Amino acid sequence: MSEFEDLIGPLLKREGGYADRKNDRGGPTNMGLTQKTLDYWNATSPHKFAGKVRDVRGLTSEIAVVIYWEMYWNVAGCQRVPPRVREIHFDASVQHSPRRAVMLLQQAAGAKIDGDFGAYTDTAVAGMIPDLLFWRYKSFRYEFYGDIIARDSTQDANIDGWLRRMKEFT
């Protein structure tokens, strides 16, 4: 079984079902996916399921898994990071965007922070002790939550959920 298959179940559980919270900047979500993400995937993916569901409320877990594989796991380069870091990196790509997750990874690895998972990032990540990379990544992710709240104090309504989410990564 691939690591993605091992990690997608816990991710879907963390994300939950349909939600439309006033403090969620992404608007309505289902299984963590926004309407904007579903629209983009429907318009760009060659997958046989693309275009089958137009409203995020009707999203099925089968389609969500495909979207997470195509737009998050692969784009963030989750298969390229050490196993110790994969789950938190995948989760960050979902919650913050693949580009931001790569930036957090680069920051943790001491690489140039540009959001592009290239050869220099590969080298920096490979040169790190996986446990150290994990703990640095987690620390920078906490810092990023603080930055979000510093930019927009209304987002402090989300901190309890963010902290609960981070507790899963030990």
Protein backbone atom coordinates (compact mmCIF):
# COMPACT_ATOMS: atom_id res chain seq x y z
CA MET A 1 0.00 0.00 0.00
CA SER A 2 1.37 3.41 -0.88
CA GLU A 3 2.01 6.01 1.75
CA PHE A 4 -0.68 8.23 0.19
CA GLU A 5 -3.24 5.49 0.78
CA ASP A 6 -2.10 5.27 4.41
CA LEU A 7 -2.34 9.02 4.96
CA ILE A 8 -5.48 9.98 3.04
CA GLY A 9 -7.85 8.37 5.57
CA PRO A 10 -6.53 10.33 8.56
CA LEU A 11 -6.52 13.50 6.46
CA LEU A 12 -10.16 13.05 5.43
CA LYS A 13 -11.06 12.43 9.07
CA ARG A 14 -9.29 15.67 10.12
CA GLU A 15 -11.05 17.62 7.38
CA GLY A 16 -14.53 16.29 8.15
CA GLY A 17 -17.61 16.71 5.99
CA TYR A 18 -19.43 19.72 4.63
CA ALA A 19 -18.86 22.96 6.52
CA ASP A 20 -19.68 26.59 5.91
CA ARG A 21 -18.09 28.57 8.76
CA LYS A 22 -18.11 32.36 8.72
CA ASN A 23 -14.43 32.58 9.72
CA ASP A 24 -13.26 30.23 6.98
CA ARG A 25 -11.86 32.43 4.24
CA GLY A 26 -12.19 29.59 1.73
CA GLY A 27 -15.97 29.56 2.01
CA PRO A 28 -17.93 26.32 2.06
CA THR A 29 -15.79 23.18 2.15
CA ASN A 30 -16.41 19.48 1.96
CA MET A 31 -13.75 17.07 3.13
CA GLY A 32 -11.49 20.12 3.27
CA LEU A 33 -11.94 21.06 -0.38
CA THR A 34 -13.36 24.43 -1.37
CA GLN A 35 -15.75 25.18 -4.21
CA LYS A 36 -12.92 27.10 -5.92
CA THR A 37 -10.66 24.04 -5.76
CA LEU A 38 -13.39 21.77 -7.12
CA ASP A 39 -14.10 24.22 -9.96
CA TYR A 40 -10.41 24.43 -10.87
CA TRP A 41 -9.98 20.66 -10.77
CA ASN A 42 -13.11 20.15 -12.89
CA ALA A 43 -11.73 22.58 -15.49
CA THR A 44 -8.18 21.24 -15.64
CA SER A 45 -8.03 17.56 -14.73
CA PRO A 46 -8.17 14.88 -17.41
CA HIS A 47 -9.47 12.41 -14.81
CA LYS A 48 -12.67 10.57 -15.73
CA PHE A 49 -14.42 12.01 -12.64
CA ALA A 50 -13.69 15.64 -13.56
CA GLY A 51 -16.92 17.50 -14.17
CA LYS A 52 -19.10 14.81 -12.57
CA VAL A 53 -19.75 16.89 -9.43
CA ARG A 54 -20.16 20.66 -9.75
CA ASP A 55 -21.20 21.65 -6.20
CA VAL A 56 -18.81 21.01 -3.32
CA ARG A 57 -21.76 19.78 -1.22
CA GLY A 58 -22.08 16.76 -3.51
CA LEU A 59 -18.40 15.86 -3.40
CA THR A 60 -17.77 12.16 -2.79
CA SER A 61 -14.78 10.75 -0.94
CA GLU A 62 -13.78 8.92 -4.13
CA ILE A 63 -13.46 12.22 -6.00
CA ALA A 64 -11.86 13.99 -3.02
CA VAL A 65 -9.13 11.34 -2.92
CA VAL A 66 -8.33 11.93 -6.60
CA ILE A 67 -8.20 15.70 -6.06
CA TYR A 68 -5.91 15.30 -3.06
CA TRP A 69 -3.63 13.02 -5.07
CA GLU A 70 -3.44 15.29 -8.12
CA MET A 71 -3.51 18.77 -6.59
CA TYR A 72 -1.83 18.32 -3.21
CA TRP A 73 0.24 15.14 -2.76
CA ASN A 74 1.93 15.34 -6.16
CA VAL A 75 2.22 19.12 -6.39
CA ALA A 76 3.77 19.43 -2.91
CA GLY A 77 6.24 16.60 -3.65
CA CYS A 78 5.11 14.55 -0.66
CA GLN A 79 6.73 11.39 -2.04
CA ARG A 80 10.08 13.24 -2.12
CA VAL A 81 10.30 13.99 1.60
CA PRO A 82 11.42 11.54 4.28
CA PRO A 83 8.62 9.32 5.63
CA ARG A 84 8.94 11.06 9.02
CA VAL A 85 7.87 14.36 7.41
CA ARG A 86 5.31 13.18 4.84
CA GLU A 87 2.15 13.38 6.88
CA ILE A 88 2.73 16.87 8.25
CA HIS A 89 3.89 18.08 4.82
CA PHE A 90 0.83 16.61 3.11
CA ASP A 91 -1.44 18.11 5.76
CA ALA A 92 0.21 21.52 5.38
CA SER A 93 -0.21 21.35 1.60
CA VAL A 94 -3.93 20.79 2.13
CA GLN A 95 -4.43 23.41 4.81
CA HIS A 96 -2.10 26.11 3.50
CA SER A 97 -1.50 25.20 -0.21
CA PRO A 98 1.20 23.07 -1.79
CA ARG A 99 3.36 26.15 -2.41
CA ARG A 100 3.20 27.25 1.24
CA ALA A 101 3.93 23.67 2.38
CA VAL A 102 7.05 23.64 0.20
CA MET A 103 8.06 27.01 1.67
CA LEU A 104 7.69 25.60 5.19
CA LEU A 105 9.77 22.58 4.15
CA GLN A 106 12.44 24.83 2.66
CA GLN A 107 12.51 26.94 5.80
CA ALA A 108 12.86 23.82 7.97
CA ALA A 109 15.63 22.44 5.74
CA GLY A 110 17.53 25.72 5.53
CA ALA A 111 16.99 25.97 1.77
CA LYS A 112 16.21 29.06 -0.29
CA ILE A 113 12.52 29.80 0.31
CA ASP A 114 10.82 30.17 -3.06
CA GLY A 115 8.00 27.60 -2.99
CA ASP A 116 9.57 25.60 -5.83
CA PHE A 117 10.48 22.02 -4.94
CA GLY A 118 13.56 21.73 -7.09
CA ALA A 119 16.99 20.14 -6.89
CA TYR A 120 18.26 22.54 -4.20
CA THR A 121 15.32 21.70 -1.97
CA ASP A 122 15.87 17.99 -2.59
CA THR A 123 19.52 18.36 -1.55
CA ALA A 124 18.71 20.39 1.56
CA VAL A 125 15.99 17.94 2.64
CA ALA A 126 18.23 14.92 2.00
CA GLY A 127 20.96 16.51 4.12
CA MET A 128 18.75 16.82 7.19
CA ILE A 129 18.22 14.29 9.94
CA PRO A 130 14.53 13.37 9.41
CA ASP A 131 13.52 13.90 13.05
CA LEU A 132 15.18 17.32 13.12
CA LEU A 133 13.50 18.25 9.83
CA PHE A 134 10.14 17.18 11.25
CA TRP A 135 10.47 19.20 14.46
CA ARG A 136 11.73 22.27 12.61
CA TYR A 137 8.84 21.95 10.13
CA LYS A 138 6.31 21.68 12.95
CA SER A 139 7.82 24.71 14.69
CA PHE A 140 7.69 26.84 11.55
CA ARG A 141 4.11 25.75 10.95
CA TYR A 142 3.12 26.96 14.43
CA GLU A 143 4.89 30.22 13.63
CA PHE A 144 2.90 30.47 10.40
CA TYR A 145 -0.36 30.17 12.35
CA GLY A 146 0.81 33.08 14.49
CA ASP A 147 1.58 35.09 11.35
CA ILE A 148 -1.93 34.43 10.02
CA ILE A 149 -3.46 35.80 13.23
CA ALA A 150 -1.05 38.75 13.31
CA ARG A 151 -2.22 39.73 9.80
CA ASP A 152 -5.91 39.18 10.54
CA SER A 153 -7.04 39.01 14.16
CA THR A 154 -10.42 37.53 13.17
CA GLN A 155 -8.55 34.31 12.42
CA ASP A 156 -7.89 33.73 16.12
CA ALA A 157 -11.32 32.06 16.10
CA ASN A 158 -9.60 29.15 14.33
CA ILE A 159 -6.65 28.64 16.67
CA ASP A 160 -8.22 25.90 18.82
CA GLY A 161 -8.91 23.80 15.73
CA TRP A 162 -5.44 24.44 14.33
CA LEU A 163 -3.81 23.41 17.60
CA ARG A 164 -5.94 20.25 17.81
CA ARG A 165 -4.88 19.43 14.28
CA MET A 166 -1.20 19.89 15.10
CA LYS A 167 -1.44 17.61 18.14
CA GLU A 168 -1.82 14.69 15.74
CA PHE A 169 1.75 15.16 14.55
CA THR A 170 4.10 13.84 17.20
